[in-house]
Amino acid sequence: MAETMKDTKPKMSRKLKVLLIGSLSVNLLVAGLFVGAILRHSGPSDVGGHSDLLLRVLDKDDRRAIGSAVKEAQGGGRRAFWAGQKAALGDVAIALKAEPYDGAAVQAALARKSAHMSQTRNAAETAMLARFEAMSGAERAALAERLEAALARGLKSDWKKKDTRDQ
């Protein structure tokens, strides 16, 4: 026993190394997809369920038609809208930094931002009116009932869930 025993650790086989690296790669890919999906849908374009209640009670086809009309009016949808908002807010920031302070310039920049929002809202309302005119009386009545039910529940982000408070 004069000889010292060697501390030998079993070596990891090459197959096991490849398997572990592959597993890590797949896990990172899945995590990246998950984080990417969250980032994509939680930016400034996501209103977190606070969209117009009237839009929310419309059926899917009507919402899509209105969305298409708004996208066309904006010239490219959400990205075009937020690019316009970003430019308008950039004008506000520039006006706020100006020395000496020019209240009229800030007011004009805010007016451009509001006008941009107004154009989008007007496009949505015009498209909504066109959809309402195309509906039958029964369809409009059903829409009115859905709207009244949503109002009775209150303005909640979980509007899709069935209200069970009155049962």
N, C-alpha and C. Protein backbone atom coordinates (compact mmCIF):
# COMPACT_ATOMS: atom_id res chain seq x y z
N MET A 1 0.81 -1.16 0.00
CA MET A 1 0.00 0.00 0.00
C MET A 1 0.86 1.25 0.00
N ALA A 2 2.08 1.03 -0.26
CA ALA A 2 2.99 2.15 -0.35
C ALA A 2 2.66 3.01 -1.55
N GLU A 3 2.12 2.39 -2.54
CA GLU A 3 1.75 3.16 -3.72
C GLU A 3 0.45 3.92 -3.45
N THR A 4 0.41 5.15 -3.92
CA THR A 4 -0.82 5.93 -3.73
C THR A 4 -1.83 5.54 -4.79
N MET A 5 -3.02 5.49 -4.33
CA MET A 5 -4.09 5.16 -5.27
C MET A 5 -4.42 6.41 -6.09
N LYS A 6 -4.55 6.22 -7.34
CA LYS A 6 -4.85 7.34 -8.23
C LYS A 6 -6.34 7.67 -8.15
N ASP A 7 -6.61 8.97 -8.08
CA ASP A 7 -8.00 9.42 -8.17
C ASP A 7 -8.38 9.48 -9.63
N THR A 8 -9.01 8.49 -10.08
CA THR A 8 -9.43 8.48 -11.48
C THR A 8 -10.95 8.62 -11.54
N LYS A 9 -11.35 9.62 -12.26
CA LYS A 9 -12.78 9.83 -12.46
C LYS A 9 -13.14 9.21 -13.79
N PRO A 10 -14.28 8.59 -13.83
CA PRO A 10 -14.68 8.02 -15.11
C PRO A 10 -14.88 9.14 -16.13
N LYS A 11 -14.39 8.94 -17.32
CA LYS A 11 -14.53 9.94 -18.37
C LYS A 11 -15.91 9.85 -18.99
N MET A 12 -16.41 11.01 -19.38
CA MET A 12 -17.72 11.06 -20.03
C MET A 12 -17.54 10.60 -21.47
N SER A 13 -18.40 9.70 -21.86
CA SER A 13 -18.29 9.20 -23.23
C SER A 13 -18.66 10.29 -24.23
N ARG A 14 -18.17 10.16 -25.41
CA ARG A 14 -18.43 11.15 -26.47
C ARG A 14 -19.93 11.21 -26.80
N LYS A 15 -20.60 10.08 -26.80
CA LYS A 15 -22.03 10.05 -27.10
C LYS A 15 -22.81 10.84 -26.06
N LEU A 16 -22.42 10.70 -24.79
CA LEU A 16 -23.11 11.41 -23.73
C LEU A 16 -22.89 12.92 -23.86
N LYS A 17 -21.67 13.33 -24.21
CA LYS A 17 -21.38 14.75 -24.41
C LYS A 17 -22.24 15.32 -25.53
N VAL A 18 -22.33 14.61 -26.64
CA VAL A 18 -23.14 15.06 -27.77
C VAL A 18 -24.61 15.14 -27.37
N LEU A 19 -25.07 14.16 -26.61
CA LEU A 19 -26.46 14.15 -26.16
C LEU A 19 -26.75 15.34 -25.25
N LEU A 20 -25.87 15.64 -24.31
CA LEU A 20 -26.05 16.76 -23.41
C LEU A 20 -26.02 18.10 -24.15
N ILE A 21 -25.11 18.24 -25.08
CA ILE A 21 -25.03 19.47 -25.87
C ILE A 21 -26.28 19.63 -26.73
N GLY A 22 -26.74 18.55 -27.32
CA GLY A 22 -27.97 18.59 -28.11
C GLY A 22 -29.17 18.96 -27.26
N SER A 23 -29.26 18.40 -26.07
CA SER A 23 -30.36 18.70 -25.17
C SER A 23 -30.33 20.17 -24.76
N LEU A 24 -29.16 20.68 -24.44
CA LEU A 24 -29.02 22.08 -24.08
C LEU A 24 -29.44 22.98 -25.25
N SER A 25 -29.04 22.61 -26.45
CA SER A 25 -29.39 23.39 -27.64
C SER A 25 -30.90 23.44 -27.83
N VAL A 26 -31.56 22.32 -27.69
CA VAL A 26 -33.01 22.28 -27.85
C VAL A 26 -33.68 23.11 -26.77
N ASN A 27 -33.20 23.00 -25.53
CA ASN A 27 -33.77 23.80 -24.44
C ASN A 27 -33.60 25.30 -24.70
N LEU A 28 -32.43 25.71 -25.17
CA LEU A 28 -32.20 27.11 -25.47
C LEU A 28 -33.08 27.58 -26.63
N LEU A 29 -33.28 26.72 -27.61
CA LEU A 29 -34.14 27.05 -28.74
C LEU A 29 -35.58 27.27 -28.28
N VAL A 30 -36.08 26.37 -27.44
CA VAL A 30 -37.45 26.50 -26.93
C VAL A 30 -37.58 27.76 -26.07
N ALA A 31 -36.60 28.01 -25.21
CA ALA A 31 -36.64 29.21 -24.37
C ALA A 31 -36.59 30.47 -25.25
N GLY A 32 -35.78 30.46 -26.29
CA GLY A 32 -35.68 31.60 -27.19
C GLY A 32 -36.99 31.85 -27.92
N LEU A 33 -37.65 30.79 -28.36
CA LEU A 33 -38.95 30.94 -29.02
C LEU A 33 -39.98 31.53 -28.06
N PHE A 34 -39.97 31.05 -26.83
CA PHE A 34 -40.91 31.53 -25.82
C PHE A 34 -40.67 33.01 -25.53
N VAL A 35 -39.44 33.39 -25.28
CA VAL A 35 -39.11 34.79 -24.99
C VAL A 35 -39.41 35.66 -26.20
N GLY A 36 -39.10 35.18 -27.39
CA GLY A 36 -39.39 35.94 -28.61
C GLY A 36 -40.87 36.18 -28.79
N ALA A 37 -41.68 35.17 -28.50
CA ALA A 37 -43.13 35.32 -28.62
C ALA A 37 -43.65 36.34 -27.62
N ILE A 38 -43.12 36.31 -26.41
CA ILE A 38 -43.55 37.28 -25.39
C ILE A 38 -43.16 38.69 -25.81
N LEU A 39 -41.93 38.86 -26.27
CA LEU A 39 -41.48 40.19 -26.67
C LEU A 39 -42.25 40.70 -27.88
N ARG A 40 -42.57 39.81 -28.79
CA ARG A 40 -43.28 40.23 -29.99
C ARG A 40 -44.69 40.72 -29.66
N HIS A 41 -45.33 40.06 -28.70
CA HIS A 41 -46.72 40.37 -28.42
C HIS A 41 -46.91 41.25 -27.20
N SER A 42 -45.83 41.75 -26.62
CA SER A 42 -46.01 42.60 -25.45
C SER A 42 -45.39 43.97 -25.63
N GLY A 43 -45.14 44.35 -26.86
CA GLY A 43 -44.57 45.66 -27.14
C GLY A 43 -45.61 46.74 -27.04
N PRO A 44 -45.30 47.90 -27.56
CA PRO A 44 -46.24 49.01 -27.45
C PRO A 44 -47.53 48.78 -28.22
N SER A 45 -47.53 47.82 -29.16
CA SER A 45 -48.74 47.57 -29.92
C SER A 45 -49.74 46.73 -29.15
N ASP A 46 -49.28 46.10 -28.09
CA ASP A 46 -50.19 45.29 -27.30
C ASP A 46 -50.86 46.16 -26.27
N VAL A 47 -52.17 46.25 -26.33
CA VAL A 47 -52.88 47.11 -25.43
C VAL A 47 -53.36 46.37 -24.19
N GLY A 48 -52.95 45.14 -24.03
CA GLY A 48 -53.26 44.41 -22.81
C GLY A 48 -54.73 44.22 -22.55
N GLY A 49 -55.53 44.06 -23.57
CA GLY A 49 -56.94 43.80 -23.36
C GLY A 49 -57.77 45.06 -23.15
N HIS A 50 -57.21 46.23 -23.36
CA HIS A 50 -57.95 47.46 -23.13
C HIS A 50 -58.42 48.07 -24.44
N SER A 51 -58.66 47.25 -25.44
CA SER A 51 -59.13 47.79 -26.70
C SER A 51 -60.59 48.21 -26.57
N ASP A 52 -61.07 48.85 -27.58
CA ASP A 52 -62.44 49.35 -27.60
C ASP A 52 -63.42 48.20 -27.35
N LEU A 53 -64.29 48.37 -26.39
CA LEU A 53 -65.24 47.33 -26.02
C LEU A 53 -66.14 46.95 -27.20
N LEU A 54 -66.51 47.92 -27.99
CA LEU A 54 -67.35 47.63 -29.15
C LEU A 54 -66.63 46.72 -30.14
N LEU A 55 -65.34 46.95 -30.32
CA LEU A 55 -64.57 46.07 -31.20
C LEU A 55 -64.50 44.66 -30.62
N ARG A 56 -64.37 44.57 -29.31
CA ARG A 56 -64.22 43.26 -28.68
C ARG A 56 -65.48 42.41 -28.78
N VAL A 57 -66.65 43.01 -28.86
CA VAL A 57 -67.87 42.21 -28.94
C VAL A 57 -68.24 41.84 -30.38
N LEU A 58 -67.55 42.40 -31.34
CA LEU A 58 -67.78 42.02 -32.74
C LEU A 58 -67.25 40.61 -32.99
N ASP A 59 -67.81 39.93 -33.99
CA ASP A 59 -67.28 38.61 -34.29
C ASP A 59 -65.93 38.73 -35.02
N LYS A 60 -65.27 37.61 -35.13
CA LYS A 60 -63.90 37.58 -35.66
C LYS A 60 -63.81 38.16 -37.07
N ASP A 61 -64.76 37.82 -37.94
CA ASP A 61 -64.72 38.32 -39.32
C ASP A 61 -64.86 39.84 -39.38
N ASP A 62 -65.76 40.37 -38.54
CA ASP A 62 -65.94 41.82 -38.51
C ASP A 62 -64.68 42.51 -37.99
N ARG A 63 -64.09 41.97 -36.92
CA ARG A 63 -62.86 42.56 -36.38
C ARG A 63 -61.74 42.54 -37.41
N ARG A 64 -61.64 41.43 -38.15
CA ARG A 64 -60.60 41.34 -39.18
C ARG A 64 -60.83 42.35 -40.29
N ALA A 65 -62.07 42.50 -40.71
CA ALA A 65 -62.38 43.46 -41.78
C ALA A 65 -62.05 44.88 -41.33
N ILE A 66 -62.40 45.20 -40.10
CA ILE A 66 -62.10 46.54 -39.57
C ILE A 66 -60.59 46.71 -39.45
N GLY A 67 -59.92 45.69 -38.96
CA GLY A 67 -58.46 45.74 -38.84
C GLY A 67 -57.79 45.93 -40.19
N SER A 68 -58.30 45.27 -41.21
CA SER A 68 -57.73 45.43 -42.56
C SER A 68 -57.93 46.85 -43.07
N ALA A 69 -59.11 47.41 -42.81
CA ALA A 69 -59.38 48.78 -43.24
C ALA A 69 -58.46 49.77 -42.53
N VAL A 70 -58.25 49.55 -41.25
CA VAL A 70 -57.37 50.43 -40.48
C VAL A 70 -55.93 50.28 -40.97
N LYS A 71 -55.54 49.04 -41.21
CA LYS A 71 -54.18 48.79 -41.70
C LYS A 71 -53.95 49.50 -43.02
N GLU A 72 -54.95 49.44 -43.89
CA GLU A 72 -54.84 50.11 -45.19
C GLU A 72 -54.75 51.63 -45.01
N ALA A 73 -55.57 52.17 -44.10
CA ALA A 73 -55.56 53.61 -43.85
C ALA A 73 -54.23 54.07 -43.25
N GLN A 74 -53.62 53.20 -42.44
CA GLN A 74 -52.33 53.53 -41.81
C GLN A 74 -51.17 53.35 -42.77
N GLY A 75 -51.39 52.58 -43.79
CA GLY A 75 -50.31 52.31 -44.73
C GLY A 75 -49.36 51.23 -44.23
N GLY A 76 -49.84 50.27 -43.45
CA GLY A 76 -48.96 49.18 -43.06
C GLY A 76 -49.22 48.57 -41.71
N GLY A 77 -50.29 48.87 -41.05
CA GLY A 77 -50.63 48.21 -39.80
C GLY A 77 -49.90 48.75 -38.59
N ARG A 78 -49.72 47.87 -37.62
CA ARG A 78 -49.15 48.27 -36.33
C ARG A 78 -47.80 48.94 -36.45
N ARG A 79 -46.95 48.35 -37.27
CA ARG A 79 -45.60 48.92 -37.38
C ARG A 79 -45.64 50.34 -37.94
N ALA A 80 -46.48 50.54 -38.95
CA ALA A 80 -46.62 51.89 -39.51
C ALA A 80 -47.22 52.84 -38.48
N PHE A 81 -48.21 52.34 -37.74
CA PHE A 81 -48.83 53.17 -36.70
C PHE A 81 -47.80 53.58 -35.66
N TRP A 82 -47.05 52.60 -35.16
CA TRP A 82 -46.09 52.91 -34.10
C TRP A 82 -44.92 53.72 -34.64
N ALA A 83 -44.60 53.58 -35.91
CA ALA A 83 -43.55 54.43 -36.50
C ALA A 83 -44.03 55.88 -36.51
N GLY A 84 -45.29 56.10 -36.86
CA GLY A 84 -45.86 57.44 -36.84
C GLY A 84 -45.93 58.00 -35.43
N GLN A 85 -46.33 57.17 -34.48
CA GLN A 85 -46.37 57.61 -33.08
C GLN A 85 -44.98 57.94 -32.57
N LYS A 86 -44.02 57.11 -32.94
CA LYS A 86 -42.63 57.33 -32.50
C LYS A 86 -42.12 58.67 -33.04
N ALA A 87 -42.42 58.93 -34.30
CA ALA A 87 -42.00 60.20 -34.90
C ALA A 87 -42.67 61.38 -34.20
N ALA A 88 -43.97 61.25 -33.92
CA ALA A 88 -44.70 62.33 -33.24
C ALA A 88 -44.16 62.54 -31.83
N LEU A 89 -43.88 61.46 -31.12
CA LEU A 89 -43.33 61.59 -29.77
C LEU A 89 -41.91 62.14 -29.81
N GLY A 90 -41.17 61.81 -30.86
CA GLY A 90 -39.84 62.39 -31.04
C GLY A 90 -39.92 63.90 -31.19
N ASP A 91 -40.94 64.36 -31.92
CA ASP A 91 -41.16 65.81 -32.06
C ASP A 91 -41.47 66.45 -30.71
N VAL A 92 -42.26 65.73 -29.89
CA VAL A 92 -42.57 66.24 -28.55
C VAL A 92 -41.29 66.35 -27.73
N ALA A 93 -40.46 65.32 -27.77
CA ALA A 93 -39.21 65.34 -27.01
C ALA A 93 -38.30 66.49 -27.45
N ILE A 94 -38.21 66.70 -28.75
CA ILE A 94 -37.37 67.80 -29.27
C ILE A 94 -37.91 69.14 -28.77
N ALA A 95 -39.24 69.29 -28.83
CA ALA A 95 -39.84 70.55 -28.38
C ALA A 95 -39.63 70.76 -26.88
N LEU A 96 -39.68 69.67 -26.10
CA LEU A 96 -39.48 69.79 -24.65
C LEU A 96 -38.05 70.18 -24.30
N LYS A 97 -37.09 69.76 -25.12
CA LYS A 97 -35.68 70.06 -24.85
C LYS A 97 -35.27 71.47 -25.26
N ALA A 98 -36.07 72.10 -26.09
CA ALA A 98 -35.70 73.41 -26.64
C ALA A 98 -35.50 74.42 -25.52
N GLU A 99 -34.45 75.20 -25.66
CA GLU A 99 -34.17 76.31 -24.74
C GLU A 99 -34.15 77.59 -25.55
N PRO A 100 -34.86 78.53 -25.23
CA PRO A 100 -35.83 78.59 -24.15
C PRO A 100 -37.06 77.75 -24.49
N TYR A 101 -37.78 77.37 -23.45
CA TYR A 101 -38.98 76.56 -23.62
C TYR A 101 -39.98 77.29 -24.50
N ASP A 102 -40.52 76.54 -25.49
CA ASP A 102 -41.52 77.12 -26.39
C ASP A 102 -42.80 76.30 -26.27
N GLY A 103 -43.73 76.79 -25.45
CA GLY A 103 -44.99 76.08 -25.21
C GLY A 103 -45.78 75.85 -26.49
N ALA A 104 -45.71 76.79 -27.41
CA ALA A 104 -46.45 76.65 -28.68
C ALA A 104 -45.89 75.49 -29.49
N ALA A 105 -44.57 75.31 -29.46
CA ALA A 105 -43.95 74.19 -30.20
C ALA A 105 -44.35 72.86 -29.58
N VAL A 106 -44.41 72.79 -28.25
CA VAL A 106 -44.83 71.56 -27.57
C VAL A 106 -46.29 71.29 -27.91
N GLN A 107 -47.11 72.33 -27.87
CA GLN A 107 -48.53 72.17 -28.20
C GLN A 107 -48.70 71.67 -29.63
N ALA A 108 -47.93 72.21 -30.56
CA ALA A 108 -48.02 71.78 -31.96
C ALA A 108 -47.58 70.32 -32.11
N ALA A 109 -46.53 69.93 -31.40
CA ALA A 109 -46.07 68.54 -31.46
C ALA A 109 -47.12 67.59 -30.88
N LEU A 110 -47.74 67.98 -29.77
CA LEU A 110 -48.80 67.17 -29.19
C LEU A 110 -50.01 67.09 -30.11
N ALA A 111 -50.29 68.17 -30.82
CA ALA A 111 -51.40 68.18 -31.77
C ALA A 111 -51.13 67.20 -32.92
N ARG A 112 -49.86 67.13 -33.38
CA ARG A 112 -49.51 66.17 -34.45
C ARG A 112 -49.68 64.74 -33.95
N LYS A 113 -49.30 64.48 -32.71
CA LYS A 113 -49.47 63.15 -32.12
C LYS A 113 -50.95 62.81 -32.02
N SER A 114 -51.74 63.76 -31.53
CA SER A 114 -53.19 63.53 -31.40
C SER A 114 -53.84 63.33 -32.76
N ALA A 115 -53.41 64.08 -33.76
CA ALA A 115 -53.97 63.95 -35.11
C ALA A 115 -53.69 62.55 -35.67
N HIS A 116 -52.51 62.05 -35.39
CA HIS A 116 -52.16 60.70 -35.86
C HIS A 116 -53.07 59.66 -35.20
N MET A 117 -53.30 59.80 -33.90
CA MET A 117 -54.20 58.88 -33.20
C MET A 117 -55.62 59.01 -33.73
N SER A 118 -56.02 60.24 -33.98
CA SER A 118 -57.37 60.52 -34.48
C SER A 118 -57.61 59.89 -35.85
N GLN A 119 -56.62 59.96 -36.72
CA GLN A 119 -56.75 59.36 -38.05
C GLN A 119 -57.00 57.86 -37.95
N THR A 120 -56.29 57.21 -37.06
CA THR A 120 -56.47 55.77 -36.87
C THR A 120 -57.86 55.48 -36.32
N ARG A 121 -58.27 56.23 -35.32
CA ARG A 121 -59.58 56.04 -34.72
C ARG A 121 -60.69 56.30 -35.75
N ASN A 122 -60.55 57.33 -36.54
CA ASN A 122 -61.56 57.63 -37.57
C ASN A 122 -61.65 56.52 -38.62
N ALA A 123 -60.50 55.97 -38.99
CA ALA A 123 -60.51 54.86 -39.96
C ALA A 123 -61.24 53.66 -39.37
N ALA A 124 -61.02 53.37 -38.08
CA ALA A 124 -61.70 52.25 -37.43
C ALA A 124 -63.20 52.50 -37.35
N GLU A 125 -63.59 53.71 -37.00
CA GLU A 125 -65.01 54.01 -36.89
C GLU A 125 -65.71 53.98 -38.24
N THR A 126 -65.04 54.45 -39.28
CA THR A 126 -65.62 54.40 -40.63
C THR A 126 -65.83 52.94 -41.05
N ALA A 127 -64.83 52.11 -40.78
CA ALA A 127 -64.95 50.68 -41.12
C ALA A 127 -66.04 50.02 -40.30
N MET A 128 -66.16 50.39 -39.02
CA MET A 128 -67.21 49.84 -38.16
C MET A 128 -68.58 50.19 -38.70
N LEU A 129 -68.76 51.46 -39.06
CA LEU A 129 -70.06 51.89 -39.60
C LEU A 129 -70.42 51.11 -40.86
N ALA A 130 -69.44 50.88 -41.71
CA ALA A 130 -69.69 50.11 -42.93
C ALA A 130 -70.12 48.68 -42.58
N ARG A 131 -69.50 48.09 -41.56
CA ARG A 131 -69.87 46.73 -41.14
C ARG A 131 -71.28 46.73 -40.56
N PHE A 132 -71.62 47.74 -39.76
CA PHE A 132 -72.96 47.81 -39.16
C PHE A 132 -74.03 47.94 -40.24
N GLU A 133 -73.76 48.74 -41.26
CA GLU A 133 -74.72 48.92 -42.34
C GLU A 133 -74.92 47.64 -43.14
N ALA A 134 -73.88 46.80 -43.21
CA ALA A 134 -73.97 45.55 -43.96
C ALA A 134 -74.69 44.45 -43.16
N MET A 135 -74.86 44.66 -41.84
CA MET A 135 -75.50 43.65 -41.00
C MET A 135 -77.01 43.68 -41.16
N SER A 136 -77.62 42.54 -40.94
CA SER A 136 -79.08 42.49 -40.90
C SER A 136 -79.54 43.04 -39.55
N GLY A 137 -80.83 43.27 -39.43
CA GLY A 137 -81.38 43.75 -38.16
C GLY A 137 -81.12 42.77 -37.03
N ALA A 138 -81.23 41.48 -37.32
CA ALA A 138 -80.99 40.46 -36.29
C ALA A 138 -79.52 40.45 -35.86
N GLU A 139 -78.64 40.63 -36.81
CA GLU A 139 -77.21 40.67 -36.48
C GLU A 139 -76.87 41.88 -35.61
N ARG A 140 -77.46 43.01 -35.97
CA ARG A 140 -77.22 44.23 -35.16
C ARG A 140 -77.80 44.07 -33.76
N ALA A 141 -78.97 43.42 -33.66
CA ALA A 141 -79.59 43.19 -32.35
C ALA A 141 -78.72 42.27 -31.50
N ALA A 142 -78.18 41.23 -32.13
CA ALA A 142 -77.30 40.30 -31.39
C ALA A 142 -76.04 41.02 -30.93
N LEU A 143 -75.50 41.89 -31.78
CA LEU A 143 -74.32 42.68 -31.41
C LEU A 143 -74.65 43.59 -30.23
N ALA A 144 -75.82 44.22 -30.28
CA ALA A 144 -76.23 45.10 -29.18
C ALA A 144 -76.36 44.32 -27.87
N GLU A 145 -76.88 43.10 -27.95
CA GLU A 145 -77.00 42.26 -26.75
C GLU A 145 -75.63 41.89 -26.19
N ARG A 146 -74.68 41.57 -27.08
CA ARG A 146 -73.32 41.26 -26.61
C ARG A 146 -72.68 42.48 -25.97
N LEU A 147 -72.93 43.64 -26.55
CA LEU A 147 -72.39 44.88 -26.00
C LEU A 147 -72.99 45.16 -24.62
N GLU A 148 -74.30 45.02 -24.50
CA GLU A 148 -74.96 45.24 -23.20
C GLU A 148 -74.46 44.26 -22.15
N ALA A 149 -74.26 43.00 -22.54
CA ALA A 149 -73.75 42.01 -21.60
C ALA A 149 -72.33 42.36 -21.16
N ALA A 150 -71.52 42.82 -22.09
CA ALA A 150 -70.15 43.22 -21.75
C ALA A 150 -70.16 44.43 -20.83
N LEU A 151 -71.05 45.36 -21.07
CA LEU A 151 -71.16 46.53 -20.19
C LEU A 151 -71.61 46.11 -18.79
N ALA A 152 -72.51 45.15 -18.71
CA ALA A 152 -72.99 44.67 -17.42
C ALA A 152 -71.86 44.00 -16.63
N ARG A 153 -70.97 43.32 -17.32
CA ARG A 153 -69.82 42.68 -16.66
C ARG A 153 -68.80 43.70 -16.21
N GLY A 154 -68.75 44.80 -16.91
CA GLY A 154 -67.75 45.81 -16.63
C GLY A 154 -66.61 45.69 -17.61
N LEU A 155 -65.77 46.69 -17.64
CA LEU A 155 -64.64 46.72 -18.57
C LEU A 155 -63.51 45.89 -17.97
N LYS A 156 -63.44 44.65 -18.36
CA LYS A 156 -62.41 43.75 -17.85
C LYS A 156 -61.56 43.25 -18.99
N SER A 157 -60.33 42.90 -18.68
CA SER A 157 -59.47 42.34 -19.71
C SER A 157 -59.83 40.88 -19.97
N ASP A 158 -60.56 40.25 -19.05
CA ASP A 158 -60.96 38.86 -19.26
C ASP A 158 -62.37 38.78 -19.81
N TRP A 159 -62.70 39.66 -20.75
CA TRP A 159 -64.03 39.76 -21.32
C TRP A 159 -64.48 38.48 -22.02
N LYS A 160 -63.54 37.64 -22.45
CA LYS A 160 -63.92 36.42 -23.17
C LYS A 160 -64.49 35.36 -22.22
N LYS A 161 -64.15 35.45 -20.94
CA LYS A 161 -64.61 34.45 -19.99
C LYS A 161 -66.08 34.67 -19.67
N LYS A 162 -66.74 33.58 -19.38
CA LYS A 162 -68.17 33.66 -19.07
C LYS A 162 -68.32 34.28 -17.67
N ASP A 163 -69.26 35.18 -17.55
CA ASP A 163 -69.51 35.82 -16.27
C ASP A 163 -70.40 34.90 -15.45
N THR A 164 -69.92 34.50 -14.27
CA THR A 164 -70.69 33.58 -13.44
C THR A 164 -71.17 34.25 -12.15
N ARG A 165 -71.03 35.55 -12.03
CA ARG A 165 -71.39 36.23 -10.79
C ARG A 165 -72.89 36.20 -10.54
N ASP A 166 -73.69 36.24 -11.58
CA ASP A 166 -75.14 36.32 -11.40
C ASP A 166 -75.80 34.96 -11.29
N GLN A 167 -75.03 33.90 -11.28
CA GLN A 167 -75.63 32.55 -11.25
C GLN A 167 -75.70 32.01 -9.85
